Amino acid sequence: MSVKGFVQRIPQMVLGFALAYAGIGHLTTSRMEFRAQVPTVFDDYADFVVLASGVVEIALGVGLIALWKFRVQIGWLVAAFFVAVFWGNISQYVNGVDAFGLDTDTKRLVRLFFQPVLVAWALLSTGAWSAWRRK
């Protein structure tokens, strides 16, 4: 791989490591914090939702790091995942739940504006957006 090719992969790999790290947190040290973000409609299944989403995050993270050949498809999956979990962020804001240092409505609201950034990061760093535009 050329230096240019490696440099182009850095944003994708950083996102992959971040997802894998967060996924491990779902399964271990941050499990209770992530439970706080599960929408109340899933209260009875909150632990399952946290564990399942953690496994998905790890898989997506590893995919971003190791499966360069499928980067476009994985980019779309990661973007869809970020859209799916946005409901949890909205629930945390609406219900005023403290987690991850988000202990005020203002902090929880500001966080909502970062989810579209993650979606864009997934689509742009993997070339998914460019591939779609070329079609």
C-alpha atoms as a PDB file:
ATOM      1  CA  MET A   1       0.000   0.000   0.000  1.00  0.00           C
ATOM      2  CA  SER A   2       1.271   3.438  -0.871  1.00  0.00           C
ATOM      3  CA  VAL A   3       1.768   6.200   1.685  1.00  0.00           C
ATOM      4  CA  LYS A   4      -1.099   8.114   0.076  1.00  0.00           C
ATOM      5  CA  GLY A   5      -3.348   5.055   0.362  1.00  0.00           C
ATOM      6  CA  PHE A   6      -2.452   4.622   4.007  1.00  0.00           C
ATOM      7  CA  VAL A   7      -3.078   8.294   4.792  1.00  0.00           C
ATOM      8  CA  GLN A   8      -6.483   8.060   3.123  1.00  0.00           C
ATOM      9  CA  ARG A   9      -7.344   5.129   5.390  1.00  0.00           C
ATOM     10  CA  ILE A  10      -6.523   6.944   8.640  1.00  0.00           C
ATOM     11  CA  PRO A  11      -9.962   8.567   9.207  1.00  0.00           C
ATOM     12  CA  GLN A  12     -11.653   5.227   8.519  1.00  0.00           C
ATOM     13  CA  MET A  13      -9.290   3.377  10.850  1.00  0.00           C
ATOM     14  CA  VAL A  14      -9.721   5.962  13.620  1.00  0.00           C
ATOM     15  CA  LEU A  15     -13.483   5.540  13.370  1.00  0.00           C
ATOM     16  CA  GLY A  16     -13.032   1.768  13.409  1.00  0.00           C
ATOM     17  CA  PHE A  17     -10.906   1.849  16.559  1.00  0.00           C
ATOM     18  CA  ALA A  18     -13.369   4.252  18.209  1.00  0.00           C
ATOM     19  CA  LEU A  19     -16.286   1.945  17.415  1.00  0.00           C
ATOM     20  CA  ALA A  20     -14.457  -1.152  18.647  1.00  0.00           C
ATOM     21  CA  TYR A  21     -13.439   0.659  21.839  1.00  0.00           C
ATOM     22  CA  ALA A  22     -17.004   1.839  22.468  1.00  0.00           C
ATOM     23  CA  GLY A  23     -18.303  -1.660  21.749  1.00  0.00           C
ATOM     24  CA  ILE A  24     -15.947  -3.151  24.310  1.00  0.00           C
ATOM     25  CA  GLY A  25     -17.204  -0.509  26.749  1.00  0.00           C
ATOM     26  CA  HIS A  26     -20.757  -1.760  26.119  1.00  0.00           C
ATOM     27  CA  LEU A  27     -19.684  -5.187  27.290  1.00  0.00           C
ATOM     28  CA  THR A  28     -17.501  -4.126  30.214  1.00  0.00           C
ATOM     29  CA  THR A  29     -16.749  -0.886  32.054  1.00  0.00           C
ATOM     30  CA  SER A  30     -19.392   1.423  30.558  1.00  0.00           C
ATOM     31  CA  ARG A  31     -22.288  -0.998  30.489  1.00  0.00           C
ATOM     32  CA  MET A  32     -24.410   0.939  32.993  1.00  0.00           C
ATOM     33  CA  GLU A  33     -23.714   4.257  31.252  1.00  0.00           C
ATOM     34  CA  PHE A  34     -24.923   2.802  27.952  1.00  0.00           C
ATOM     35  CA  ARG A  35     -28.025   1.386  29.654  1.00  0.00           C
ATOM     36  CA  ALA A  36     -28.938   4.952  30.553  1.00  0.00           C
ATOM     37  CA  GLN A  37     -29.269   5.729  26.844  1.00  0.00           C
ATOM     38  CA  VAL A  38     -31.623   2.881  25.993  1.00  0.00           C
ATOM     39  CA  PRO A  39     -35.076   4.313  25.183  1.00  0.00           C
ATOM     40  CA  THR A  40     -37.638   3.621  27.881  1.00  0.00           C
ATOM     41  CA  VAL A  41     -39.727   1.500  25.513  1.00  0.00           C
ATOM     42  CA  PHE A  42     -36.916  -1.072  25.744  1.00  0.00           C
ATOM     43  CA  ASP A  43     -36.504  -0.914  29.550  1.00  0.00           C
ATOM     44  CA  ASP A  44     -37.210  -4.630  29.942  1.00  0.00           C
ATOM     45  CA  TYR A  45     -34.506  -5.439  27.389  1.00  0.00           C
ATOM     46  CA  ALA A  46     -32.011  -2.671  28.181  1.00  0.00           C
ATOM     47  CA  ASP A  47     -29.136  -4.982  29.034  1.00  0.00           C
ATOM     48  CA  PHE A  48     -29.687  -7.048  25.890  1.00  0.00           C
ATOM     49  CA  VAL A  49     -29.840  -3.879  23.766  1.00  0.00           C
ATOM     50  CA  VAL A  50     -26.550  -2.656  25.266  1.00  0.00           C
ATOM     51  CA  LEU A  51     -24.813  -6.007  24.776  1.00  0.00           C
ATOM     52  CA  ALA A  52     -26.133  -6.497  21.249  1.00  0.00           C
ATOM     53  CA  SER A  53     -25.235  -2.992  20.151  1.00  0.00           C
ATOM     54  CA  GLY A  54     -21.787  -3.484  21.671  1.00  0.00           C
ATOM     55  CA  VAL A  55     -21.223  -6.630  19.623  1.00  0.00           C
ATOM     56  CA  VAL A  56     -22.420  -4.800  16.496  1.00  0.00           C
ATOM     57  CA  GLU A  57     -20.083  -1.866  17.241  1.00  0.00           C
ATOM     58  CA  ILE A  58     -17.112  -4.189  17.653  1.00  0.00           C
ATOM     59  CA  ALA A  59     -17.933  -5.967  14.393  1.00  0.00           C
ATOM     60  CA  LEU A  60     -18.336  -2.691  12.521  1.00  0.00           C
ATOM     61  CA  GLY A  61     -15.134  -1.312  14.032  1.00  0.00           C
ATOM     62  CA  VAL A  62     -13.127  -4.391  13.079  1.00  0.00           C
ATOM     63  CA  GLY A  63     -14.691  -4.252   9.620  1.00  0.00           C
ATOM     64  CA  LEU A  64     -13.582  -0.642   9.147  1.00  0.00           C
ATOM     65  CA  ILE A  65     -10.060  -1.537  10.237  1.00  0.00           C
ATOM     66  CA  ALA A  66      -9.543  -4.846   8.470  1.00  0.00           C
ATOM     67  CA  LEU A  67     -11.942  -5.164   5.536  1.00  0.00           C
ATOM     68  CA  TRP A  68     -10.779  -2.385   3.230  1.00  0.00           C
ATOM     69  CA  LYS A  69     -12.186  -4.224   0.190  1.00  0.00           C
ATOM     70  CA  PHE A  70     -15.703  -3.816   1.617  1.00  0.00           C
ATOM     71  CA  ARG A  71     -15.239  -0.281   2.947  1.00  0.00           C
ATOM     72  CA  VAL A  72     -18.134   1.202   0.962  1.00  0.00           C
ATOM     73  CA  GLN A  73     -20.638  -1.373   2.180  1.00  0.00           C
ATOM     74  CA  ILE A  74     -19.351  -1.144   5.748  1.00  0.00           C
ATOM     75  CA  GLY A  75     -19.502   2.656   5.527  1.00  0.00           C
ATOM     76  CA  TRP A  76     -23.216   2.465   4.772  1.00  0.00           C
ATOM     77  CA  LEU A  77     -23.737  -0.030   7.603  1.00  0.00           C
ATOM     78  CA  VAL A  78     -21.902   2.213  10.070  1.00  0.00           C
ATOM     79  CA  ALA A  79     -23.920   5.235   8.954  1.00  0.00           C
ATOM     80  CA  ALA A  80     -27.147   3.242   9.377  1.00  0.00           C
ATOM     81  CA  PHE A  81     -25.987   2.129  12.831  1.00  0.00           C
ATOM     82  CA  PHE A  82     -25.365   5.748  13.858  1.00  0.00           C
ATOM     83  CA  VAL A  83     -28.855   6.670  12.646  1.00  0.00           C
ATOM     84  CA  ALA A  84     -30.370   3.722  14.557  1.00  0.00           C
ATOM     85  CA  VAL A  85     -28.707   4.559  17.869  1.00  0.00           C
ATOM     86  CA  PHE A  86     -29.621   8.241  17.548  1.00  0.00           C
ATOM     87  CA  TRP A  87     -32.954   7.327  19.115  1.00  0.00           C
ATOM     88  CA  GLY A  88     -31.055   6.495  22.315  1.00  0.00           C
ATOM     89  CA  ASN A  89     -29.399   9.909  22.328  1.00  0.00           C
ATOM     90  CA  ILE A  90     -32.762  11.589  21.829  1.00  0.00           C
ATOM     91  CA  SER A  91     -34.223   9.486  24.650  1.00  0.00           C
ATOM     92  CA  GLN A  92     -31.385  10.518  26.953  1.00  0.00           C
ATOM     93  CA  TYR A  93     -32.109  14.168  26.192  1.00  0.00           C
ATOM     94  CA  VAL A  94     -35.907  13.944  26.438  1.00  0.00           C
ATOM     95  CA  ASN A  95     -35.791  11.966  29.690  1.00  0.00           C
ATOM     96  CA  GLY A  96     -32.972  14.028  31.220  1.00  0.00           C
ATOM     97  CA  VAL A  97     -30.820  10.992  31.952  1.00  0.00           C
ATOM     98  CA  ASP A  98     -27.271  11.644  33.178  1.00  0.00           C
ATOM     99  CA  ALA A  99     -24.580   9.481  31.560  1.00  0.00           C
ATOM    100  CA  PHE A 100     -21.097  10.000  30.148  1.00  0.00           C
ATOM    101  CA  GLY A 101     -20.796  13.396  31.817  1.00  0.00           C
ATOM    102  CA  LEU A 102     -23.903  14.659  30.069  1.00  0.00           C
ATOM    103  CA  ASP A 103     -25.478  15.973  33.234  1.00  0.00           C
ATOM    104  CA  THR A 104     -27.393  18.980  31.897  1.00  0.00           C
ATOM    105  CA  ASP A 105     -30.019  19.426  29.216  1.00  0.00           C
ATOM    106  CA  THR A 106     -27.657  21.735  27.353  1.00  0.00           C
ATOM    107  CA  LYS A 107     -24.900  19.119  27.191  1.00  0.00           C
ATOM    108  CA  ARG A 108     -27.354  16.439  26.109  1.00  0.00           C
ATOM    109  CA  LEU A 109     -28.768  18.749  23.419  1.00  0.00           C
ATOM    110  CA  VAL A 110     -25.345  19.697  22.075  1.00  0.00           C
ATOM    111  CA  ARG A 111     -24.479  16.019  21.798  1.00  0.00           C
ATOM    112  CA  LEU A 112     -27.412  15.476  19.442  1.00  0.00           C
ATOM    113  CA  PHE A 113     -25.715  17.702  16.872  1.00  0.00           C
ATOM    114  CA  PHE A 114     -22.677  15.418  16.763  1.00  0.00           C
ATOM    115  CA  GLN A 115     -24.570  12.342  15.547  1.00  0.00           C
ATOM    116  CA  PRO A 116     -24.898  13.700  11.979  1.00  0.00           C
ATOM    117  CA  VAL A 117     -21.140  14.345  12.085  1.00  0.00           C
ATOM    118  CA  LEU A 118     -20.586  10.650  12.830  1.00  0.00           C
ATOM    119  CA  VAL A 119     -22.865   9.663   9.948  1.00  0.00           C
ATOM    120  CA  ALA A 120     -20.916  11.960   7.616  1.00  0.00           C
ATOM    121  CA  TRP A 121     -17.602  10.613   8.921  1.00  0.00           C
ATOM    122  CA  ALA A 122     -18.705   7.051   8.168  1.00  0.00           C
ATOM    123  CA  LEU A 123     -19.854   7.909   4.649  1.00  0.00           C
ATOM    124  CA  LEU A 124     -16.951  10.164   3.719  1.00  0.00           C
ATOM    125  CA  SER A 125     -14.061   8.225   5.254  1.00  0.00           C
ATOM    126  CA  THR A 126     -15.082   4.979   3.562  1.00  0.00           C
ATOM    127  CA  GLY A 127     -15.839   6.452   0.167  1.00  0.00           C
ATOM    128  CA  ALA A 128     -19.477   5.348   0.490  1.00  0.00           C
ATOM    129  CA  TRP A 129     -20.794   8.813  -0.305  1.00  0.00           C
ATOM    130  CA  SER A 130     -18.486   9.188  -3.316  1.00  0.00           C
ATOM    131  CA  ALA A 131     -19.459   5.761  -4.623  1.00  0.00           C
ATOM    132  CA  TRP A 132     -23.139   6.659  -4.373  1.00  0.00           C
ATOM    133  CA  ARG A 133     -22.571  10.012  -6.119  1.00  0.00           C
ATOM    134  CA  ARG A 134     -20.746   8.274  -9.001  1.00  0.00           C
ATOM    135  CA  LYS A 135     -23.769   6.047  -9.649  1.00  0.00           C
END
